[in-house]
Each structure stands twice: as C-alpha cells, then as structure tokens.
Amino acid sequence: MVEEKLKAVIRDIPDFPEPGIVFKDITPLLQHPELVDLAVKEFVKRLSGIEFDLIAGIESRGFLFGFLLAQELKKPFIPIRKQGKLPYKTVSESYKLEYGQATIEMHEDAFPAGSKVLLHDDLLATGGTVVAASKLIEKVGGEVAGFSFVISLDFLQSQGRLTRFSEKIISLVGYQ
C-alpha cells in the first residue's frame, strides 16, 4: 500500500520548529525517486473525477509535489508565496500560525476568473495556510476545486476548515 511505503521514509523531527511540535520531514522521501513517482501516480489516480484547470502550490513544500503533479497532468502551475517574494502585482492574505502570523501572496493575474484550482500543499496541519490560500484563489475569481496533500495530521481535525471551499480533500498519508 502507498501509505505504508511513504510512512516508512517520512521522518519525525521532535521539537521543531519549537518545543512540543513533531515535524513530519518529507526530505527522505525525495531521496527515493521510485517513491516520488509512486506518490505522483497515486495522486493522479485519486484525483480522477475532480475537474480542475490548474494546480496552485503553497510555498515551499507545496511546490515539490504540486509542480510534479501539474507536469504529469499537463496543467499550469501557480505558486503561492510568502510575502515579498513575487515580482509582479500581487494579492495577499494574512493569517495566524500556531506560533505567530504570516502573509502569503499570489500574482493578481495568476489565472483567468472562473478557473477551477486544485490547491496543493505537502502537509495539512491546522489548515491556516490552506484557508488563506483558498481565500486568495477566491479573491482573484477562482474556485477551489479540491485539495491534495502528501500528509494530513488527522488528529488536528482541520479538514472541516476546508470544506467551505471544497469537500474534495485528498491526502496520501494520514496520522491519527
């Protein structure tokens, strides 16, 4: 099963970025091209039936598999970045983190109004970043068609925060 193969290489980093948090590190996964390929193929399989025009990935983890998935599906890829990193006119959204506040941005002309967007990040934790990214997509006239994650921290029960944007939520690895 895909989930067990991916879990076997995802590493736990205790107390990162601060005490009490167990960080799920996917960098060992990236050292196994066959597992990366397996993950991309599994995303493609699970996304069948979800109609979308493009994929938006959230900096920086969402760029890795989000871009690979966009290439596999021959879809445009849109980066959603931390404030001040994009060179053209942007729209922004601020949100609270577990340990602070952040702002993300997207080019105002990232896609045509009415576009259906698959939003990808490699980890769903509390959902704050993904909710902010969903609001950005709506600000420029897009619709969130669904979400894809490599990892979901299901014990945080954050999927409920996303359903107002789309009920189509896919993750390859869940932690209870």
N, C-alpha and C. Protein backbone atom coordinates (compact mmCIF):
# COMPACT_ATOMS: atom_id res chain seq x y z
N MET A 1 0.84 -1.20 0.00
CA MET A 1 0.00 0.00 0.00
C MET A 1 0.88 1.26 0.00
N VAL A 2 0.44 2.27 -0.71
CA VAL A 2 1.21 3.50 -0.87
C VAL A 2 1.48 4.17 0.47
N GLU A 3 0.47 4.24 1.33
CA GLU A 3 0.62 4.94 2.60
C GLU A 3 1.75 4.34 3.44
N GLU A 4 1.81 3.03 3.54
CA GLU A 4 2.86 2.39 4.34
C GLU A 4 4.25 2.66 3.76
N LYS A 5 4.36 2.61 2.43
CA LYS A 5 5.66 2.85 1.79
C LYS A 5 6.14 4.28 2.05
N LEU A 6 5.23 5.24 1.99
CA LEU A 6 5.61 6.63 2.24
C LEU A 6 5.93 6.86 3.72
N LYS A 7 5.10 6.29 4.60
CA LYS A 7 5.35 6.44 6.05
C LYS A 7 6.71 5.87 6.44
N ALA A 8 7.15 4.83 5.75
CA ALA A 8 8.42 4.19 6.09
C ALA A 8 9.62 5.13 5.90
N VAL A 9 9.48 6.16 5.07
CA VAL A 9 10.61 7.07 4.84
C VAL A 9 10.38 8.49 5.37
N ILE A 10 9.15 8.83 5.75
CA ILE A 10 8.89 10.14 6.35
C ILE A 10 9.44 10.12 7.78
N ARG A 11 10.22 11.13 8.10
CA ARG A 11 10.91 11.12 9.39
C ARG A 11 10.28 12.15 10.34
N ASP A 12 10.21 11.77 11.61
CA ASP A 12 9.73 12.67 12.66
C ASP A 12 10.91 13.45 13.23
N ILE A 13 10.73 14.77 13.36
CA ILE A 13 11.72 15.64 13.98
C ILE A 13 11.05 16.25 15.21
N PRO A 14 11.37 15.75 16.41
CA PRO A 14 10.72 16.29 17.61
C PRO A 14 11.18 17.71 17.92
N ASP A 15 10.24 18.47 18.48
CA ASP A 15 10.51 19.84 18.96
C ASP A 15 11.01 20.78 17.86
N PHE A 16 10.45 20.63 16.65
CA PHE A 16 10.78 21.54 15.55
C PHE A 16 9.49 22.00 14.90
N PRO A 17 9.28 23.27 14.69
CA PRO A 17 10.20 24.39 14.87
C PRO A 17 10.24 24.93 16.30
N GLU A 18 9.45 24.34 17.19
CA GLU A 18 9.50 24.75 18.59
C GLU A 18 9.11 23.58 19.47
N PRO A 19 9.39 23.65 20.77
CA PRO A 19 9.10 22.53 21.68
C PRO A 19 7.63 22.09 21.61
N GLY A 20 7.45 20.78 21.60
CA GLY A 20 6.11 20.20 21.60
C GLY A 20 5.57 19.86 20.23
N ILE A 21 6.21 20.34 19.17
CA ILE A 21 5.77 20.05 17.81
C ILE A 21 6.63 18.93 17.23
N VAL A 22 5.98 17.94 16.62
CA VAL A 22 6.71 16.88 15.92
C VAL A 22 6.57 17.14 14.43
N PHE A 23 7.66 17.58 13.80
CA PHE A 23 7.68 17.94 12.39
C PHE A 23 7.76 16.67 11.55
N LYS A 24 6.92 16.59 10.52
CA LYS A 24 6.95 15.47 9.57
C LYS A 24 7.83 15.89 8.40
N ASP A 25 9.00 15.27 8.28
CA ASP A 25 10.00 15.63 7.30
C ASP A 25 9.92 14.73 6.07
N ILE A 26 9.60 15.35 4.92
CA ILE A 26 9.50 14.56 3.68
C ILE A 26 10.80 14.51 2.89
N THR A 27 11.85 15.18 3.38
CA THR A 27 13.08 15.18 2.58
C THR A 27 13.64 13.78 2.34
N PRO A 28 13.52 12.83 3.28
CA PRO A 28 13.99 11.47 2.95
C PRO A 28 13.18 10.85 1.79
N LEU A 29 11.91 11.19 1.67
CA LEU A 29 11.09 10.71 0.57
C LEU A 29 11.67 11.17 -0.77
N LEU A 30 12.17 12.40 -0.81
CA LEU A 30 12.71 12.97 -2.04
C LEU A 30 13.98 12.26 -2.50
N GLN A 31 14.58 11.49 -1.62
CA GLN A 31 15.79 10.73 -1.96
C GLN A 31 15.47 9.39 -2.62
N HIS A 32 14.18 9.11 -2.80
CA HIS A 32 13.73 7.85 -3.40
C HIS A 32 12.86 8.15 -4.62
N PRO A 33 13.48 8.31 -5.80
CA PRO A 33 12.71 8.67 -7.00
C PRO A 33 11.55 7.71 -7.28
N GLU A 34 11.72 6.44 -6.96
CA GLU A 34 10.65 5.48 -7.21
C GLU A 34 9.44 5.76 -6.31
N LEU A 35 9.68 6.24 -5.08
CA LEU A 35 8.56 6.57 -4.19
C LEU A 35 7.92 7.90 -4.58
N VAL A 36 8.72 8.85 -5.05
CA VAL A 36 8.17 10.11 -5.56
C VAL A 36 7.25 9.81 -6.73
N ASP A 37 7.71 8.97 -7.64
CA ASP A 37 6.90 8.58 -8.79
C ASP A 37 5.62 7.87 -8.35
N LEU A 38 5.75 6.98 -7.38
CA LEU A 38 4.58 6.27 -6.84
C LEU A 38 3.57 7.27 -6.26
N ALA A 39 4.07 8.27 -5.53
CA ALA A 39 3.18 9.28 -4.93
C ALA A 39 2.46 10.08 -6.01
N VAL A 40 3.18 10.51 -7.03
CA VAL A 40 2.56 11.29 -8.11
C VAL A 40 1.50 10.45 -8.81
N LYS A 41 1.80 9.21 -9.10
CA LYS A 41 0.82 8.33 -9.75
C LYS A 41 -0.40 8.09 -8.87
N GLU A 42 -0.19 7.99 -7.56
CA GLU A 42 -1.32 7.81 -6.64
C GLU A 42 -2.18 9.08 -6.60
N PHE A 43 -1.55 10.26 -6.61
CA PHE A 43 -2.33 11.49 -6.69
C PHE A 43 -3.18 11.50 -7.96
N VAL A 44 -2.59 11.17 -9.08
CA VAL A 44 -3.32 11.17 -10.36
C VAL A 44 -4.53 10.24 -10.26
N LYS A 45 -4.33 9.07 -9.70
CA LYS A 45 -5.43 8.10 -9.56
C LYS A 45 -6.54 8.67 -8.68
N ARG A 46 -6.17 9.23 -7.53
CA ARG A 46 -7.18 9.73 -6.59
C ARG A 46 -7.86 11.01 -7.07
N LEU A 47 -7.21 11.75 -7.97
CA LEU A 47 -7.80 12.99 -8.48
C LEU A 47 -8.74 12.76 -9.66
N SER A 48 -8.78 11.55 -10.18
CA SER A 48 -9.69 11.30 -11.30
C SER A 48 -11.12 11.57 -10.82
N GLY A 49 -11.86 12.27 -11.62
CA GLY A 49 -13.22 12.63 -11.23
C GLY A 49 -13.32 14.04 -10.64
N ILE A 50 -12.20 14.66 -10.31
CA ILE A 50 -12.20 16.05 -9.85
C ILE A 50 -11.80 16.91 -11.04
N GLU A 51 -12.67 17.82 -11.40
CA GLU A 51 -12.41 18.68 -12.56
C GLU A 51 -11.69 19.95 -12.09
N PHE A 52 -10.52 20.21 -12.67
CA PHE A 52 -9.79 21.44 -12.35
C PHE A 52 -8.95 21.86 -13.55
N ASP A 53 -8.66 23.17 -13.59
CA ASP A 53 -7.93 23.76 -14.71
C ASP A 53 -6.44 23.90 -14.45
N LEU A 54 -6.07 24.06 -13.18
CA LEU A 54 -4.67 24.29 -12.84
C LEU A 54 -4.41 23.89 -11.40
N ILE A 55 -3.13 23.86 -11.05
CA ILE A 55 -2.72 23.50 -9.69
C ILE A 55 -1.97 24.68 -9.09
N ALA A 56 -2.35 25.05 -7.87
CA ALA A 56 -1.62 26.07 -7.12
C ALA A 56 -0.92 25.38 -5.96
N GLY A 57 0.35 25.68 -5.79
CA GLY A 57 1.13 25.11 -4.70
C GLY A 57 1.56 26.18 -3.72
N ILE A 58 1.54 25.83 -2.44
CA ILE A 58 1.88 26.78 -1.38
C ILE A 58 3.35 26.62 -1.01
N GLU A 59 4.05 27.77 -0.97
CA GLU A 59 5.49 27.78 -0.66
C GLU A 59 5.75 27.17 0.70
N SER A 60 6.79 26.49 0.82
CA SER A 60 7.62 25.96 -0.24
C SER A 60 7.35 24.48 -0.46
N ARG A 61 6.82 23.83 0.56
CA ARG A 61 6.56 22.39 0.44
C ARG A 61 5.61 22.06 -0.70
N GLY A 62 4.64 22.90 -0.93
CA GLY A 62 3.65 22.61 -1.96
C GLY A 62 4.18 22.72 -3.38
N PHE A 63 5.38 23.28 -3.52
CA PHE A 63 5.98 23.38 -4.85
C PHE A 63 6.49 22.03 -5.33
N LEU A 64 6.95 21.20 -4.43
CA LEU A 64 7.61 19.96 -4.81
C LEU A 64 6.66 19.02 -5.56
N PHE A 65 5.69 18.49 -4.86
CA PHE A 65 4.76 17.56 -5.49
C PHE A 65 3.71 18.28 -6.33
N GLY A 66 3.37 19.52 -5.95
CA GLY A 66 2.40 20.27 -6.74
C GLY A 66 2.88 20.48 -8.17
N PHE A 67 4.15 20.85 -8.32
CA PHE A 67 4.69 21.07 -9.66
C PHE A 67 4.82 19.74 -10.42
N LEU A 68 5.28 18.70 -9.74
CA LEU A 68 5.38 17.39 -10.40
C LEU A 68 4.01 16.91 -10.87
N LEU A 69 3.01 17.11 -10.05
CA LEU A 69 1.65 16.72 -10.40
C LEU A 69 1.14 17.53 -11.59
N ALA A 70 1.40 18.82 -11.59
CA ALA A 70 0.99 19.68 -12.71
C ALA A 70 1.65 19.20 -14.01
N GLN A 71 2.91 18.86 -13.94
CA GLN A 71 3.62 18.37 -15.12
C GLN A 71 3.03 17.05 -15.60
N GLU A 72 2.76 16.15 -14.67
CA GLU A 72 2.20 14.84 -15.02
C GLU A 72 0.84 14.99 -15.70
N LEU A 73 0.04 15.94 -15.21
CA LEU A 73 -1.32 16.14 -15.74
C LEU A 73 -1.38 17.19 -16.85
N LYS A 74 -0.24 17.77 -17.20
CA LYS A 74 -0.18 18.81 -18.25
C LYS A 74 -1.09 19.98 -17.91
N LYS A 75 -1.01 20.42 -16.64
CA LYS A 75 -1.80 21.56 -16.16
C LYS A 75 -0.85 22.69 -15.77
N PRO A 76 -1.29 23.93 -15.87
CA PRO A 76 -0.48 25.05 -15.40
C PRO A 76 -0.25 24.94 -13.88
N PHE A 77 0.88 25.48 -13.44
CA PHE A 77 1.20 25.51 -12.01
C PHE A 77 1.33 26.96 -11.56
N ILE A 78 0.70 27.30 -10.45
CA ILE A 78 0.70 28.65 -9.91
C ILE A 78 1.34 28.62 -8.52
N PRO A 79 2.39 29.40 -8.30
CA PRO A 79 2.98 29.45 -6.96
C PRO A 79 2.26 30.45 -6.06
N ILE A 80 2.00 30.03 -4.84
CA ILE A 80 1.52 30.92 -3.79
C ILE A 80 2.69 31.05 -2.83
N ARG A 81 3.18 32.30 -2.67
CA ARG A 81 4.45 32.50 -1.98
C ARG A 81 4.31 33.36 -0.73
N LYS A 82 5.35 33.32 0.07
CA LYS A 82 5.44 34.20 1.23
C LYS A 82 5.53 35.64 0.75
N GLN A 83 5.07 36.56 1.58
CA GLN A 83 5.01 37.97 1.23
C GLN A 83 6.37 38.49 0.76
N GLY A 84 6.34 39.27 -0.32
CA GLY A 84 7.53 39.93 -0.82
C GLY A 84 8.39 39.09 -1.75
N LYS A 85 7.95 37.91 -2.13
CA LYS A 85 8.76 37.02 -2.97
C LYS A 85 8.37 37.03 -4.45
N LEU A 86 7.20 37.54 -4.77
CA LEU A 86 6.76 37.56 -6.16
C LEU A 86 7.04 38.91 -6.80
N PRO A 87 7.50 38.94 -8.05
CA PRO A 87 7.96 40.19 -8.66
C PRO A 87 6.88 41.08 -9.27
N TYR A 88 5.68 40.56 -9.50
CA TYR A 88 4.65 41.32 -10.19
C TYR A 88 3.59 41.76 -9.18
N LYS A 89 2.52 42.38 -9.66
CA LYS A 89 1.42 42.83 -8.80
C LYS A 89 0.77 41.61 -8.14
N THR A 90 0.52 41.74 -6.84
CA THR A 90 0.00 40.60 -6.08
C THR A 90 -1.26 40.94 -5.31
N VAL A 91 -1.95 39.89 -4.90
CA VAL A 91 -3.00 39.97 -3.89
C VAL A 91 -2.45 39.19 -2.70
N SER A 92 -2.85 39.59 -1.50
CA SER A 92 -2.29 38.94 -0.31
C SER A 92 -3.37 38.58 0.68
N GLU A 93 -3.00 37.68 1.57
CA GLU A 93 -3.89 37.23 2.64
C GLU A 93 -3.03 36.94 3.86
N SER A 94 -3.38 37.55 4.99
CA SER A 94 -2.67 37.29 6.24
C SER A 94 -3.48 36.30 7.08
N TYR A 95 -2.78 35.54 7.90
CA TYR A 95 -3.42 34.52 8.71
C TYR A 95 -2.55 34.23 9.93
N LYS A 96 -3.15 33.57 10.92
CA LYS A 96 -2.44 33.21 12.14
C LYS A 96 -1.84 31.83 12.00
N LEU A 97 -0.64 31.69 12.49
CA LEU A 97 0.03 30.40 12.59
C LEU A 97 -0.12 29.88 14.02
N GLU A 98 0.28 28.64 14.23
CA GLU A 98 0.27 28.10 15.59
C GLU A 98 1.18 28.93 16.48
N TYR A 99 2.21 29.54 15.88
CA TYR A 99 3.23 30.25 16.65
C TYR A 99 3.57 31.60 16.02
N GLY A 100 2.54 32.35 15.58
CA GLY A 100 2.79 33.68 15.01
C GLY A 100 1.77 34.06 13.95
N GLN A 101 2.20 34.90 13.02
CA GLN A 101 1.35 35.35 11.92
C GLN A 101 2.17 35.36 10.65
N ALA A 102 1.49 35.19 9.51
CA ALA A 102 2.18 35.18 8.21
C ALA A 102 1.26 35.78 7.16
N THR A 103 1.86 36.12 6.02
CA THR A 103 1.11 36.63 4.87
C THR A 103 1.61 35.89 3.64
N ILE A 104 0.67 35.46 2.82
CA ILE A 104 1.01 34.82 1.55
C ILE A 104 0.46 35.65 0.42
N GLU A 105 1.06 35.49 -0.77
CA GLU A 105 0.66 36.28 -1.93
C GLU A 105 0.62 35.41 -3.18
N MET A 106 -0.09 35.94 -4.16
CA MET A 106 -0.20 35.31 -5.47
C MET A 106 -0.28 36.44 -6.48
N HIS A 107 0.24 36.22 -7.68
CA HIS A 107 0.09 37.24 -8.72
C HIS A 107 -1.39 37.47 -9.00
N GLU A 108 -1.75 38.73 -9.18
CA GLU A 108 -3.16 39.06 -9.41
C GLU A 108 -3.68 38.50 -10.73
N ASP A 109 -2.78 38.21 -11.66
CA ASP A 109 -3.19 37.65 -12.96
C ASP A 109 -2.77 36.18 -13.10
N ALA A 110 -2.72 35.47 -11.98
CA ALA A 110 -2.24 34.09 -11.97
C ALA A 110 -3.07 33.16 -12.85
N PHE A 111 -4.37 33.45 -12.96
CA PHE A 111 -5.24 32.63 -13.79
C PHE A 111 -6.50 33.42 -14.13
N PRO A 112 -7.19 33.01 -15.19
CA PRO A 112 -8.43 33.71 -15.57
C PRO A 112 -9.54 33.50 -14.54
N ALA A 113 -10.38 34.52 -14.36
CA ALA A 113 -11.54 34.39 -13.47
C ALA A 113 -12.37 33.19 -13.90
N GLY A 114 -12.91 32.50 -12.92
CA GLY A 114 -13.72 31.32 -13.20
C GLY A 114 -12.92 30.03 -13.24
N SER A 115 -11.60 30.11 -13.12
CA SER A 115 -10.76 28.91 -13.14
C SER A 115 -11.02 28.04 -11.92
N LYS A 116 -10.97 26.74 -12.15
CA LYS A 116 -11.09 25.76 -11.06
C LYS A 116 -9.68 25.33 -10.68
N VAL A 117 -9.36 25.51 -9.40
CA VAL A 117 -7.99 25.34 -8.92
C VAL A 117 -7.89 24.18 -7.94
N LEU A 118 -6.94 23.29 -8.18
CA LEU A 118 -6.57 22.28 -7.20
C LEU A 118 -5.48 22.91 -6.35
N LEU A 119 -5.68 22.96 -5.05
CA LEU A 119 -4.71 23.56 -4.14
C LEU A 119 -3.89 22.46 -3.49
N HIS A 120 -2.57 22.54 -3.65
CA HIS A 120 -1.68 21.50 -3.12
C HIS A 120 -0.72 22.06 -2.08
N ASP A 121 -0.56 21.31 -1.01
CA ASP A 121 0.50 21.53 -0.04
C ASP A 121 0.93 20.15 0.43
N ASP A 122 2.13 20.02 0.89
CA ASP A 122 2.58 18.70 1.26
C ASP A 122 2.12 18.27 2.65
N LEU A 123 1.62 19.23 3.46
CA LEU A 123 1.19 18.88 4.80
C LEU A 123 -0.03 19.70 5.19
N LEU A 124 -1.06 19.01 5.68
CA LEU A 124 -2.21 19.68 6.27
C LEU A 124 -2.10 19.50 7.78
N ALA A 125 -1.86 20.63 8.48
CA ALA A 125 -1.80 20.60 9.94
C ALA A 125 -3.07 21.28 10.46
N THR A 126 -2.97 22.52 10.90
CA THR A 126 -4.16 23.22 11.42
C THR A 126 -5.03 23.79 10.31
N GLY A 127 -4.48 23.91 9.10
CA GLY A 127 -5.25 24.40 7.96
C GLY A 127 -5.20 25.90 7.74
N GLY A 128 -4.52 26.64 8.59
CA GLY A 128 -4.50 28.10 8.45
C GLY A 128 -3.93 28.58 7.13
N THR A 129 -2.83 28.01 6.71
CA THR A 129 -2.20 28.43 5.45
C THR A 129 -3.09 28.06 4.27
N VAL A 130 -3.69 26.89 4.32
CA VAL A 130 -4.53 26.43 3.21
C VAL A 130 -5.81 27.27 3.11
N VAL A 131 -6.38 27.63 4.24
CA VAL A 131 -7.56 28.51 4.23
C VAL A 131 -7.18 29.86 3.63
N ALA A 132 -6.04 30.43 4.03
CA ALA A 132 -5.59 31.71 3.48
C ALA A 132 -5.38 31.60 1.98
N ALA A 133 -4.77 30.51 1.52
CA ALA A 133 -4.56 30.31 0.09
C ALA A 133 -5.88 30.17 -0.66
N SER A 134 -6.84 29.52 -0.05
CA SER A 134 -8.17 29.38 -0.66
C SER A 134 -8.84 30.75 -0.82
N LYS A 135 -8.67 31.60 0.18
CA LYS A 135 -9.22 32.96 0.10
C LYS A 135 -8.55 33.76 -1.01
N LEU A 136 -7.24 33.57 -1.18
CA LEU A 136 -6.53 34.23 -2.28
C LEU A 136 -7.11 33.81 -3.62
N ILE A 137 -7.33 32.53 -3.78
CA ILE A 137 -7.88 32.00 -5.03
C ILE A 137 -9.24 32.64 -5.32
N GLU A 138 -10.07 32.74 -4.29
CA GLU A 138 -11.38 33.36 -4.46
C GLU A 138 -11.26 34.86 -4.75
N LYS A 139 -10.27 35.54 -4.15
CA LYS A 139 -10.10 36.98 -4.38
C LYS A 139 -9.88 37.31 -5.85
N VAL A 140 -9.21 36.44 -6.57
CA VAL A 140 -8.95 36.72 -7.99
C VAL A 140 -9.96 36.00 -8.90
N GLY A 141 -11.06 35.53 -8.32
CA GLY A 141 -12.15 35.00 -9.12
C GLY A 141 -12.07 33.52 -9.42
N GLY A 142 -11.21 32.80 -8.71
CA GLY A 142 -11.11 31.36 -8.92
C GLY A 142 -12.00 30.58 -7.96
N GLU A 143 -12.09 29.30 -8.22
CA GLU A 143 -12.87 28.40 -7.38
C GLU A 143 -11.95 27.25 -6.97
N VAL A 144 -11.94 26.93 -5.68
CA VAL A 144 -11.14 25.80 -5.21
C VAL A 144 -11.90 24.52 -5.57
N ALA A 145 -11.32 23.75 -6.47
CA ALA A 145 -11.96 22.50 -6.92
C ALA A 145 -11.66 21.34 -5.99
N GLY A 146 -10.55 21.45 -5.24
CA GLY A 146 -10.17 20.39 -4.32
C GLY A 146 -8.81 20.67 -3.72
N PHE A 147 -8.42 19.79 -2.80
CA PHE A 147 -7.16 19.92 -2.10
C PHE A 147 -6.40 18.60 -2.20
N SER A 148 -5.07 18.70 -2.29
CA SER A 148 -4.26 17.50 -2.24
C SER A 148 -3.08 17.73 -1.30
N PHE A 149 -2.78 16.71 -0.50
CA PHE A 149 -1.70 16.76 0.48
C PHE A 149 -0.95 15.44 0.46
N VAL A 150 0.35 15.50 0.68
CA VAL A 150 1.09 14.26 0.89
C VAL A 150 0.71 13.73 2.27
N ILE A 151 0.72 14.61 3.28
CA ILE A 151 0.48 14.23 4.67
C ILE A 151 -0.68 15.04 5.24
N SER A 152 -1.51 14.37 6.03
CA SER A 152 -2.57 15.04 6.78
C SER A 152 -2.45 14.63 8.25
N LEU A 153 -2.35 15.62 9.12
CA LEU A 153 -2.33 15.35 10.56
C LEU A 153 -3.78 15.30 11.03
N ASP A 154 -4.40 14.15 10.83
CA ASP A 154 -5.84 14.00 11.05
C ASP A 154 -6.25 14.27 12.49
N PHE A 155 -5.35 14.03 13.44
CA PHE A 155 -5.67 14.25 14.85
C PHE A 155 -5.96 15.72 15.15
N LEU A 156 -5.54 16.64 14.25
CA LEU A 156 -5.84 18.06 14.44
C LEU A 156 -7.23 18.43 13.91
N GLN A 157 -7.87 17.51 13.20
CA GLN A 157 -9.24 17.69 12.71
C GLN A 157 -9.45 19.00 11.94
N SER A 158 -8.51 19.31 11.06
CA SER A 158 -8.60 20.58 10.33
C SER A 158 -9.30 20.47 8.99
N GLN A 159 -9.61 19.27 8.54
CA GLN A 159 -10.28 19.14 7.24
C GLN A 159 -11.61 19.88 7.23
N GLY A 160 -12.26 19.97 8.38
CA GLY A 160 -13.52 20.71 8.48
C GLY A 160 -13.38 22.18 8.13
N ARG A 161 -12.21 22.74 8.34
CA ARG A 161 -11.97 24.16 7.98
C ARG A 161 -11.94 24.35 6.48
N LEU A 162 -11.69 23.28 5.73
CA LEU A 162 -11.53 23.39 4.28
C LEU A 162 -12.82 23.16 3.51
N THR A 163 -13.78 22.48 4.11
CA THR A 163 -14.97 22.06 3.37
C THR A 163 -15.82 23.22 2.88
N ARG A 164 -15.67 24.41 3.45
CA ARG A 164 -16.43 25.54 2.91
C ARG A 164 -15.94 25.93 1.52
N PHE A 165 -14.70 25.53 1.19
CA PHE A 165 -14.13 25.80 -0.13
C PHE A 165 -14.34 24.62 -1.08
N SER A 166 -14.12 23.41 -0.58
CA SER A 166 -14.33 22.19 -1.36
C SER A 166 -14.33 21.00 -0.41
N GLU A 167 -15.18 20.04 -0.69
CA GLU A 167 -15.22 18.82 0.11
C GLU A 167 -14.29 17.75 -0.44
N LYS A 168 -13.63 18.04 -1.54
CA LYS A 168 -12.72 17.08 -2.17
C LYS A 168 -11.33 17.29 -1.60
N ILE A 169 -10.99 16.44 -0.63
CA ILE A 169 -9.72 16.56 0.10
C ILE A 169 -9.01 15.20 0.03
N ILE A 170 -7.82 15.23 -0.54
CA ILE A 170 -7.05 14.00 -0.72
C ILE A 170 -5.73 14.12 0.04
N SER A 171 -5.40 13.08 0.80
CA SER A 171 -4.05 13.00 1.36
C SER A 171 -3.57 11.57 1.23
N LEU A 172 -2.28 11.42 0.96
CA LEU A 172 -1.73 10.08 0.75
C LEU A 172 -1.39 9.40 2.07
N VAL A 173 -1.02 10.19 3.08
CA VAL A 173 -0.61 9.65 4.38
C VAL A 173 -1.36 10.40 5.47
N GLY A 174 -2.01 9.66 6.33
CA GLY A 174 -2.71 10.28 7.45
C GLY A 174 -2.12 9.82 8.77
N TYR A 175 -2.04 10.75 9.71
CA TYR A 175 -1.58 10.43 11.06
C TYR A 175 -2.74 10.71 12.02
N GLN A 176 -3.12 9.68 12.76
CA GLN A 176 -4.27 9.78 13.67
C GLN A 176 -3.88 10.35 14.99
